[in-house]
Every structure is written in structure tokens, then in C-alpha cells.
Amino acid sequence: MGVAERIVDESLTVVMISMHTSPLAQPGRGDAGGLNVYVRNLTNALIRAGHQVLCFTRKTSVTDTTILLDENTQSKVIPIVAGRLLLPKEALVELTTQFAETMMPVIHEHALHRLVAHSHYWLSGLVALQVAENLGCPVVHTMHTLGAAKNASAPGTEPSYRLEREAYISAKVSALIANTAVEKQELIKHTGVEAEKIAVVHPGVDHDIFEPYGPRHWPGQHTSEAPHVLFAGRLQQFKGPHVLIDALADLKKRGFQSLPVIHFTGATSGSATYDIRSRSHLLGVARQCSFSDPVTPETLASMMRAADVVAMPSVAETFGLVALEAQACGTPVIAHRAGGLTTAVADGVTGQLIDSLEPRDWADALASVVEEPAKWQQFGAAGVERAASFSWSAMADRMADIYLQAL
């Protein structure tokens, strides 16, 4: 039975497209991060609301197979064959047409309701526009990161063809989703899209996992005297874990007797020459640093509860889900005053926003955690209240309204 012949009802079939990374991938490894958390949790919330979600991602392993997420709605994660299994993200732009053409008969086979496509990241946006042209459905798109915004923070990071395609996607889709008002302004500035096309929808947090009263587990050096600082994310230049190493070295030079201990959970991503373990030895602070591979959300929550502060020295974030999850656990956040982090963290209320990525400024913030523990405990308590207003179910309801408007 073709899509046009299916019974029209109040439910939707959301064609969720995440070409370059699976929503089931472990955040903190490879290209997986906040986007994966966003897509996975939005998908689950839409399913709970009664919608069918067909989530398409690229097949990257011989073991990848279609996974049934929910029997009642017949929601699935469906891997699509496009190119060789192991390819760098930069090579995928040449495969968007093949990916779209392979998707279309699968959509016809599985879709039960009216169709709307929701694409994530610019590569998936190109796929979605090709699918929509053939199936006659609207496209809602979330950039997650914007090439021009990354280049503004770190010149030369992204190629010009990405910027051109992001502007094209913005012009063609029915609606753009921005995580924050800051991201909305960046989309207007860098793509020329009209403001009316952009809806600001905050991501959520899973309060069943990220809450203040669960188990606590600190995987790094145990000390009752020094604060515990947690970094959770990919170990890459853009995420800035080296800033924390340098800040720790700065504190050591100042003669701090009770240096904070920092645990880094995540995998190296990007440049093979980026090695913060070696940097910690070189700067003489290796004893204060520990490392672990990416962990499950439950384990991450237990680490956050055991930490005195979560640090996010990213060059930029469209939102910064880790900051919101930390606050939901009752843990304050130190973050770079950039992008969505200015929305995720209430400066002077649930943590501190730092205007630069200079190690001395981050050393000053870490010194405050050492010297003013009562203030940071108050920040943590305030974070629980702030995070309570963010939920994936509320986001799914808002997204469903946007999908219906697009239809």
C-alpha cells in the first residue's frame, strides 16, 4: 500500500533523518554527542505521544540492522546502505543523493500516517529536501551546529561548500528549529533566513536519570579536600578539555595546596595529535587528572552527582545538554559564555559563565570552587529547580505542533 493510500488520522509518521551518526551511538565517541542525545530522546517522546518515528541513519557496520523501537507505533531505527561502511564525515556529502533514493521505498513500505521529515545537521538536510521533493512532505530542520558560526569562533574550521548548503537548506525547508534565541539570531545572521521561519524549541532532560538523589560514583582520584571537577564530552580541540589542563597548571604555579582533581570522560575525536593525557604530564598535573571512556547516561548521572562542578570549556555549543543534565543532578556548571551555554547556565545562579578560554580565567573559576564551596553548593541547588522546567515530553508536544503547522 502506498503512502497516499494510508488512513489519515491524528498521528504522524515522522521521518527522522540523522545520516552521519546513529541516535543509538554512544555520546562522547567519534561523531556522537549532543545531537545523538537530542534525536534519541525526541524520538522516544514522540513515540510516547503516539506518533510513528522512522529514524534513518547510515549503515556503518555489517551488524547494523533495523531495530524496532516500539511495537504499537511501529517505530524503527533503519540503517541505510550508502557508500563504504567506514568513511569520514567529510566524505558523506557525495552520498546524500544515494542515501535519499535508497530511503524512499523504505518509507513507502513502513509509513502509516501523514508524513513530515525532520532532519538533523546539514548533511541530513540535503537528504530530507530530496526525499520531500519526491514524497511531497514538508521538511523541518535542526542544524545543531552551523558552519559559519563555527568559523566565526575558530576561523577556517569549516569549508565554504558547507556554508553554502546550510544557506540553501534554510531557504528551502518549511521550518528551522533553533535550540535558543541566540541560535536563532545566528541562523538569521549567517544564512539570511527570515525570522518567521525559525521556531525556538529548547531541548529537554531525562529527569528519571538525571536527578539529584541517585547513586554517586567518582571514577577519578579520591580526595576529601580538593573539589572534584568533571568534563564529559569528546576529547577534541573544539570542546576545550585542554583549557582545564592548562588552568590546573596555572593554579599549581600559583602555589595552590589543594588542587582540584579533574576527571575526563569521553573519547578522542578528530586530530590524532590532540593528546591531553600527554599535556597533563608535560605540565606536571597528571596526578590530578583521570580519564575514562564514554559512559551510559546512568553512569554519567552518578559521576555528575559525585562532582562538585561540571566544566564546559567549549568554543561554542548550540545548547549544551551536558550543562542541563548536570544541573538536574544538582551540580553547578562552569561554562564558556558562548552560544547556547548562555541559555543553559544561569550565570551567578546555577554556575558561572566565563568570557574567554584563557587558562588564567578558568583557573580563577576553579580557585573560586576551592575557596567558596558554600556558594557553589547554592548554585547546585538552584540548578535542580532550573532544569525542572526542561523536559523531552514538552519538547515533543511543541515539535508535533510545528509538524502539523508545516503540513
Protein backbone atom coordinates (compact mmCIF):
# COMPACT_ATOMS: atom_id res chain seq x y z
CA MET A 1 0.00 0.00 0.00
CA GLY A 2 1.41 3.43 -0.96
CA VAL A 3 1.77 6.33 1.42
CA ALA A 4 -1.09 8.25 -0.24
CA GLU A 5 -3.46 5.34 0.40
CA ARG A 6 -2.78 5.12 4.13
CA ILE A 7 -5.51 6.13 6.54
CA VAL A 8 -5.23 9.75 7.68
CA ASP A 9 -5.59 10.15 11.46
CA GLU A 10 -4.29 12.34 14.27
CA SER A 11 -0.94 10.53 14.41
CA LEU A 12 2.04 11.44 12.28
CA THR A 13 4.87 9.48 10.71
CA VAL A 14 7.99 11.48 11.44
CA VAL A 15 10.84 10.62 9.09
CA MET A 16 13.75 11.42 11.41
CA ILE A 17 17.00 11.72 9.43
CA SER A 18 20.39 11.54 11.12
CA MET A 19 22.62 10.46 8.27
CA HIS A 20 26.10 10.86 9.74
CA THR A 21 25.53 9.39 13.21
CA SER A 22 23.04 6.98 14.71
CA PRO A 23 20.79 8.10 17.57
CA LEU A 24 21.76 4.82 19.23
CA ALA A 25 25.50 5.66 19.16
CA GLN A 26 27.35 6.27 22.43
CA PRO A 27 27.74 10.04 23.04
CA GLY A 28 31.32 11.13 23.58
CA ARG A 29 32.76 8.78 20.96
CA GLY A 30 33.51 9.53 17.29
CA ASP A 31 30.92 11.96 15.90
CA ALA A 32 28.37 11.18 18.62
CA GLY A 33 27.42 13.89 21.07
CA GLY A 34 24.52 16.13 21.95
CA LEU A 35 22.85 15.58 18.57
CA ASN A 36 22.52 11.87 19.31
CA VAL A 37 21.01 12.55 22.74
CA TYR A 38 18.61 15.07 21.16
CA VAL A 39 17.41 12.75 18.39
CA ARG A 40 17.10 9.70 20.64
CA ASN A 41 15.13 11.47 23.35
CA LEU A 42 12.91 13.42 20.94
CA THR A 43 12.17 10.15 19.13
CA ASN A 44 11.21 8.39 22.36
CA ALA A 45 8.99 11.28 23.46
CA LEU A 46 7.20 11.39 20.10
CA ILE A 47 6.59 7.65 20.32
CA ARG A 48 5.12 8.06 23.82
CA ALA A 49 2.81 10.70 22.35
CA GLY A 50 1.53 8.11 19.85
CA HIS A 51 3.42 9.09 16.70
CA GLN A 52 5.35 6.76 14.45
CA VAL A 53 9.03 7.64 14.06
CA LEU A 54 11.12 6.15 11.28
CA CYS A 55 14.68 7.14 12.08
CA PHE A 56 17.15 6.77 9.22
CA THR A 57 20.92 6.66 9.68
CA ARG A 58 23.82 5.41 7.56
CA LYS A 59 24.90 1.79 7.91
CA THR A 60 28.46 1.77 9.27
CA SER A 61 28.83 -1.87 10.38
CA VAL A 62 27.95 -5.25 8.93
CA THR A 63 25.95 -5.89 12.10
CA ASP A 64 23.74 -2.81 11.71
CA THR A 65 20.15 -3.88 11.21
CA THR A 66 16.67 -2.40 11.54
CA ILE A 67 15.69 -2.04 15.20
CA LEU A 68 12.05 -1.96 16.29
CA LEU A 69 11.71 0.75 18.92
CA ASP A 70 8.01 0.34 19.66
CA GLU A 71 5.51 -2.34 18.66
CA ASN A 72 2.39 -0.20 18.97
CA THR A 73 3.54 2.67 16.76
CA GLN A 74 5.83 0.52 14.58
CA SER A 75 8.65 2.99 15.13
CA LYS A 76 12.08 1.88 13.94
CA VAL A 77 15.72 2.86 13.51
CA ILE A 78 16.62 1.91 9.94
CA PRO A 79 20.23 1.81 8.68
CA ILE A 80 20.65 2.77 5.01
CA VAL A 81 23.47 1.50 2.81
CA ALA A 82 25.32 4.42 1.21
CA GLY A 83 29.00 4.11 0.36
CA ARG A 84 31.63 2.08 2.17
CA LEU A 85 30.94 1.26 5.79
CA LEU A 86 33.84 3.24 7.25
CA LEU A 87 34.00 6.76 5.86
CA PRO A 88 34.94 10.11 7.40
CA LYS A 89 32.06 12.52 7.88
CA GLU A 90 33.63 14.86 5.31
CA ALA A 91 33.08 12.25 2.55
CA LEU A 92 29.34 11.88 3.14
CA VAL A 93 28.26 14.96 1.18
CA GLU A 94 28.84 12.94 -2.01
CA LEU A 95 26.40 10.28 -0.81
CA THR A 96 23.32 12.32 0.09
CA THR A 97 21.51 11.60 -3.19
CA GLN A 98 22.16 7.86 -2.92
CA PHE A 99 21.03 7.91 0.70
CA ALA A 100 17.78 9.72 -0.22
CA GLU A 101 17.00 7.43 -3.15
CA THR A 102 17.56 4.33 -1.03
CA MET A 103 15.34 5.71 1.74
CA MET A 104 12.25 6.41 -0.34
CA PRO A 105 10.98 2.86 -0.97
CA VAL A 106 11.62 2.06 2.69
CA ILE A 107 9.42 4.98 3.72
CA HIS A 108 6.67 3.74 1.38
CA GLU A 109 6.94 0.30 2.96
CA HIS A 110 6.76 1.35 6.60
CA ALA A 111 4.95 4.70 6.91
CA LEU A 112 1.46 4.52 8.48
CA HIS A 113 0.36 8.16 8.70
CA ARG A 114 0.83 11.60 7.20
CA LEU A 115 4.50 12.29 6.56
CA VAL A 116 6.77 15.01 7.82
CA ALA A 117 10.57 14.89 7.63
CA HIS A 118 12.75 16.19 10.46
CA SER A 119 16.43 16.33 9.53
CA HIS A 120 19.42 16.88 11.78
CA TYR A 121 22.71 18.50 10.70
CA TRP A 122 23.32 19.90 7.23
CA LEU A 123 24.09 16.55 5.56
CA SER A 124 20.70 15.20 6.62
CA GLY A 125 19.06 18.42 5.48
CA LEU A 126 20.24 17.78 1.92
CA VAL A 127 18.81 14.26 2.14
CA ALA A 128 15.48 15.49 3.50
CA LEU A 129 14.95 18.03 0.73
CA GLN A 130 15.45 15.33 -1.91
CA VAL A 131 13.07 12.97 -0.11
CA ALA A 132 10.45 15.70 0.33
CA GLU A 133 10.54 16.59 -3.34
CA ASN A 134 9.60 13.03 -4.25
CA LEU A 135 7.10 12.34 -1.45
CA GLY A 136 5.50 15.76 -1.24
CA CYS A 137 6.05 16.18 2.51
CA PRO A 138 7.33 19.20 4.45
CA VAL A 139 10.80 19.37 5.98
CA VAL A 140 11.59 20.63 9.46
CA HIS A 141 15.33 21.01 10.07
CA THR A 142 17.63 21.39 13.08
CA MET A 143 21.18 22.50 12.27
CA HIS A 144 22.72 21.52 15.65
CA THR A 145 25.92 23.25 14.58
CA LEU A 146 26.25 25.99 11.99
CA GLY A 147 29.38 26.09 9.86
CA ALA A 148 29.54 29.88 9.67
CA ALA A 149 29.15 30.19 13.44
CA LYS A 150 32.00 27.72 13.97
CA ASN A 151 34.18 29.68 11.56
CA ALA A 152 33.37 32.89 13.44
CA SER A 153 34.71 31.29 16.64
CA ALA A 154 37.53 29.30 15.02
CA PRO A 155 38.31 30.64 11.50
CA GLY A 156 38.89 28.03 8.81
CA THR A 157 37.21 25.21 10.72
CA GLU A 158 34.52 24.53 8.08
CA PRO A 159 34.67 24.61 4.25
CA SER A 160 32.74 27.15 2.16
CA TYR A 161 30.59 24.46 0.49
CA ARG A 162 29.08 23.58 3.87
CA LEU A 163 28.13 27.22 4.46
CA GLU A 164 26.54 27.46 1.02
CA ARG A 165 24.48 24.32 1.57
CA GLU A 166 23.34 25.44 5.02
CA ALA A 167 22.02 28.67 3.47
CA TYR A 168 20.28 26.60 0.77
CA ILE A 169 18.66 24.30 3.33
CA SER A 170 17.48 27.28 5.38
CA ALA A 171 15.82 28.80 2.33
CA LYS A 172 14.08 25.61 1.24
CA VAL A 173 12.73 23.93 4.39
CA SER A 174 9.31 24.63 5.88
CA ALA A 175 10.70 25.41 9.33
CA LEU A 176 14.02 25.67 11.15
CA ILE A 177 14.39 24.69 14.79
CA ALA A 178 16.75 26.69 17.00
CA ASN A 179 17.65 25.49 20.47
CA THR A 180 17.89 29.03 21.82
CA ALA A 181 17.19 32.64 20.89
CA VAL A 182 20.96 33.03 20.45
CA GLU A 183 21.00 30.28 17.81
CA LYS A 184 18.01 31.89 16.08
CA GLN A 185 19.95 35.12 15.67
CA GLU A 186 22.96 33.18 14.36
CA LEU A 187 20.76 31.47 11.75
CA ILE A 188 19.36 34.83 10.62
CA LYS A 189 22.82 36.41 10.50
CA HIS A 190 24.67 33.63 8.72
CA THR A 191 22.03 32.14 6.37
CA GLY A 192 19.79 35.13 5.63
CA VAL A 193 16.66 33.17 6.56
CA GLU A 194 13.62 35.18 7.66
CA ALA A 195 12.92 35.16 11.40
CA GLU A 196 9.36 33.89 10.91
CA LYS A 197 10.65 30.57 9.62
CA ILE A 198 12.58 29.81 12.83
CA ALA A 199 10.99 28.29 15.93
CA VAL A 200 12.91 28.30 19.22
CA VAL A 201 12.42 24.96 20.98
CA HIS A 202 14.56 24.12 23.99
CA PRO A 203 15.84 20.53 24.33
CA GLY A 204 14.92 18.59 27.43
CA VAL A 205 16.47 16.44 30.09
CA ASP A 206 15.57 12.91 31.21
CA HIS A 207 14.58 13.53 34.81
CA ASP A 208 14.27 9.80 35.51
CA ILE A 209 18.04 9.51 35.05
CA PHE A 210 19.41 12.98 35.76
CA GLU A 211 18.15 13.79 39.24
CA PRO A 212 19.91 14.75 42.48
CA TYR A 213 19.16 11.78 44.73
CA GLY A 214 20.56 8.79 42.88
CA PRO A 215 23.85 6.91 43.39
CA ARG A 216 27.18 8.74 43.31
CA HIS A 217 30.33 7.40 41.73
CA TRP A 218 33.58 9.30 41.29
CA PRO A 219 35.89 7.34 38.95
CA GLY A 220 38.95 9.52 39.41
CA GLN A 221 41.32 10.28 42.25
CA HIS A 222 39.54 10.25 45.62
CA THR A 223 40.21 13.18 47.91
CA SER A 224 38.14 14.73 50.67
CA GLU A 225 39.99 18.04 50.47
CA ALA A 226 40.02 19.07 46.82
CA PRO A 227 36.96 19.72 44.64
CA HIS A 228 36.02 17.14 42.02
CA VAL A 229 35.66 18.61 38.50
CA LEU A 230 34.03 16.61 35.70
CA PHE A 231 34.42 17.05 31.93
CA ALA A 232 32.03 14.95 29.81
CA GLY A 233 32.34 15.02 26.03
CA ARG A 234 34.53 14.30 23.07
CA LEU A 235 38.22 14.96 23.68
CA GLN A 236 38.81 17.41 20.85
CA GLN A 237 40.12 20.95 20.43
CA PHE A 238 36.65 22.44 19.90
CA LYS A 239 35.34 21.05 23.20
CA GLY A 240 38.32 22.52 25.05
CA PRO A 241 39.42 19.93 27.64
CA HIS A 242 42.99 21.25 27.24
CA VAL A 243 41.79 24.54 28.76
CA LEU A 244 41.16 22.70 32.04
CA ILE A 245 44.62 21.09 31.97
CA ASP A 246 46.21 24.50 31.41
CA ALA A 247 44.08 26.08 34.14
CA LEU A 248 45.13 23.38 36.59
CA ALA A 249 48.77 24.06 35.73
CA ASP A 250 48.14 27.76 36.31
CA LEU A 251 46.79 27.03 39.81
CA LYS A 252 49.82 24.87 40.55
CA LYS A 253 52.10 27.77 39.60
CA ARG A 254 50.16 29.99 41.99
CA GLY A 255 51.06 27.59 44.78
CA PHE A 256 47.60 26.17 45.47
CA GLN A 257 47.95 23.46 48.12
CA SER A 258 44.59 21.82 47.40
CA LEU A 259 44.44 21.47 43.63
CA PRO A 260 41.12 20.31 42.16
CA VAL A 261 41.04 16.84 40.63
CA ILE A 262 39.58 16.59 37.14
CA HIS A 263 38.04 13.53 35.51
CA PHE A 264 37.60 13.44 31.73
CA THR A 265 35.03 11.01 30.37
CA GLY A 266 34.97 10.75 26.57
CA ALA A 267 36.96 9.51 23.61
CA THR A 268 39.50 11.31 21.45
CA SER A 269 37.85 12.70 18.33
CA GLY A 270 39.29 14.43 15.30
CA SER A 271 43.04 15.14 15.23
CA ALA A 272 45.25 12.23 16.25
CA THR A 273 47.82 14.73 17.55
CA TYR A 274 45.43 16.13 20.17
CA ASP A 275 46.56 14.37 23.35
CA ILE A 276 45.51 15.88 26.66
CA ARG A 277 46.93 12.98 28.67
CA SER A 278 50.41 13.85 27.41
CA ARG A 279 49.67 17.51 28.05
CA SER A 280 48.82 16.79 31.69
CA HIS A 281 52.20 15.04 32.15
CA LEU A 282 54.05 17.81 30.32
CA LEU A 283 52.53 20.48 32.59
CA GLY A 284 53.03 18.47 35.77
CA VAL A 285 49.37 17.95 36.71
CA ALA A 286 48.88 14.31 35.64
CA ARG A 287 48.32 13.23 39.27
CA GLN A 288 45.25 15.46 39.39
CA CYS A 289 43.78 14.10 36.13
CA SER A 290 42.00 10.85 35.31
CA PHE A 291 40.31 9.54 32.19
CA SER A 292 37.59 7.08 31.17
CA ASP A 293 35.80 6.06 28.01
CA PRO A 294 32.28 7.39 27.29
CA VAL A 295 29.68 6.03 29.69
CA THR A 296 25.95 5.33 29.79
CA PRO A 297 23.56 8.12 30.85
CA GLU A 298 23.01 6.37 34.18
CA THR A 299 26.74 6.23 34.91
CA LEU A 300 27.22 9.79 33.74
CA ALA A 301 24.50 10.93 36.13
CA SER A 302 26.24 9.16 39.03
CA MET A 303 29.50 10.92 38.10
CA MET A 304 27.75 14.28 37.95
CA ARG A 305 26.25 13.81 41.40
CA ALA A 306 29.71 12.95 42.77
CA ALA A 307 31.28 16.03 41.16
CA ASP A 308 31.48 19.45 42.79
CA VAL A 309 31.29 21.13 39.40
CA VAL A 310 30.94 20.20 35.71
CA ALA A 311 33.15 22.20 33.34
CA MET A 312 32.35 23.02 29.69
CA PRO A 313 35.16 25.00 28.03
CA SER A 314 33.72 24.52 24.51
CA VAL A 315 34.45 27.07 21.82
CA ALA A 316 30.68 27.09 21.24
CA GLU A 317 27.59 24.92 21.78
CA THR A 318 24.19 25.26 20.15
CA PHE A 319 22.76 24.36 23.54
CA GLY A 320 24.96 22.27 25.80
CA LEU A 321 22.85 19.37 27.03
CA VAL A 322 25.56 18.25 29.44
CA ALA A 323 25.14 21.54 31.32
CA LEU A 324 21.41 20.97 31.69
CA GLU A 325 21.89 17.34 32.79
CA ALA A 326 24.45 18.41 35.38
CA GLN A 327 22.10 21.00 36.84
CA ALA A 328 19.32 18.41 37.00
CA CYS A 329 21.70 16.35 39.17
CA GLY A 330 22.26 19.31 41.48
CA THR A 331 25.75 20.03 40.19
CA PRO A 332 26.79 23.58 39.23
CA VAL A 333 28.44 24.33 35.89
CA ILE A 334 31.39 26.41 34.73
CA ALA A 335 30.97 27.15 31.02
CA HIS A 336 32.27 29.38 28.25
CA ARG A 337 29.95 32.31 27.61
CA ALA A 338 29.16 31.24 24.05
CA GLY A 339 26.16 30.08 22.04
CA GLY A 340 23.51 28.07 23.82
CA LEU A 341 25.55 27.78 27.01
CA THR A 342 24.34 31.30 27.84
CA THR A 343 20.82 29.85 27.95
CA ALA A 344 21.64 26.51 29.57
CA VAL A 345 23.53 28.08 32.50
CA ALA A 346 22.17 30.95 34.59
CA ASP A 347 25.31 32.96 35.32
CA GLY A 348 25.73 33.63 39.03
CA VAL A 349 22.69 31.48 39.83
CA THR A 350 23.39 27.89 38.70
CA GLY A 351 27.07 28.33 37.87
CA GLN A 352 29.49 30.68 36.19
CA LEU A 353 29.93 31.77 32.58
CA ILE A 354 33.47 32.73 31.59
CA ASP A 355 34.04 35.31 28.86
CA SER A 356 37.18 33.74 27.43
CA LEU A 357 39.03 30.45 27.03
CA GLU A 358 42.18 31.84 28.60
CA PRO A 359 43.54 29.33 31.15
CA ARG A 360 44.05 32.04 33.80
CA ASP A 361 40.33 32.92 33.71
CA TRP A 362 39.38 29.27 34.13
CA ALA A 363 41.96 28.95 36.90
CA ASP A 364 40.22 31.85 38.69
CA ALA A 365 36.90 29.99 38.45
CA LEU A 366 38.42 26.75 39.76
CA ALA A 367 40.00 28.73 42.59
CA SER A 368 36.54 30.01 43.49
CA VAL A 369 35.28 26.42 43.72
CA VAL A 370 38.13 25.69 46.15
CA GLU A 371 37.74 28.84 48.23
CA GLU A 372 33.95 29.37 48.22
CA PRO A 373 32.36 25.92 48.48
CA ALA A 374 29.14 27.21 50.07
CA LYS A 375 28.47 29.50 47.10
CA TRP A 376 28.89 26.64 44.63
CA GLN A 377 26.61 24.39 46.69
CA GLN A 378 23.93 27.06 46.39
CA PHE A 379 24.49 27.15 42.63
CA GLY A 380 23.92 23.38 42.55
CA ALA A 381 20.64 23.59 44.46
CA ALA A 382 19.40 26.33 42.14
CA GLY A 383 20.30 24.19 39.13
CA VAL A 384 17.80 21.49 40.10
CA GLU A 385 14.96 24.00 40.02
CA ARG A 386 16.13 25.48 36.72
CA ALA A 387 16.46 22.10 34.98
CA ALA A 388 12.98 21.05 36.13
CA SER A 389 11.42 23.33 33.51
CA PHE A 390 13.10 21.44 30.63
CA SER A 391 11.59 18.11 29.54
CA TRP A 392 11.61 15.98 26.40
CA SER A 393 7.84 15.42 26.57
CA ALA A 394 7.21 19.18 26.48
CA MET A 395 9.62 19.47 23.58
CA ALA A 396 7.84 16.65 21.69
CA ASP A 397 4.47 18.36 22.14
CA ARG A 398 5.90 21.59 20.76
CA MET A 399 7.54 19.77 17.86
CA ALA A 400 4.28 17.97 16.98
CA ASP A 401 2.56 21.35 16.74
CA ILE A 402 5.30 22.58 14.40
CA TYR A 403 5.00 19.44 12.27
CA LEU A 404 1.23 19.97 11.95
CA GLN A 405 1.72 23.62 11.00
CA ALA A 406 4.19 22.55 8.31
CA LEU A 407 1.59 20.10 6.97
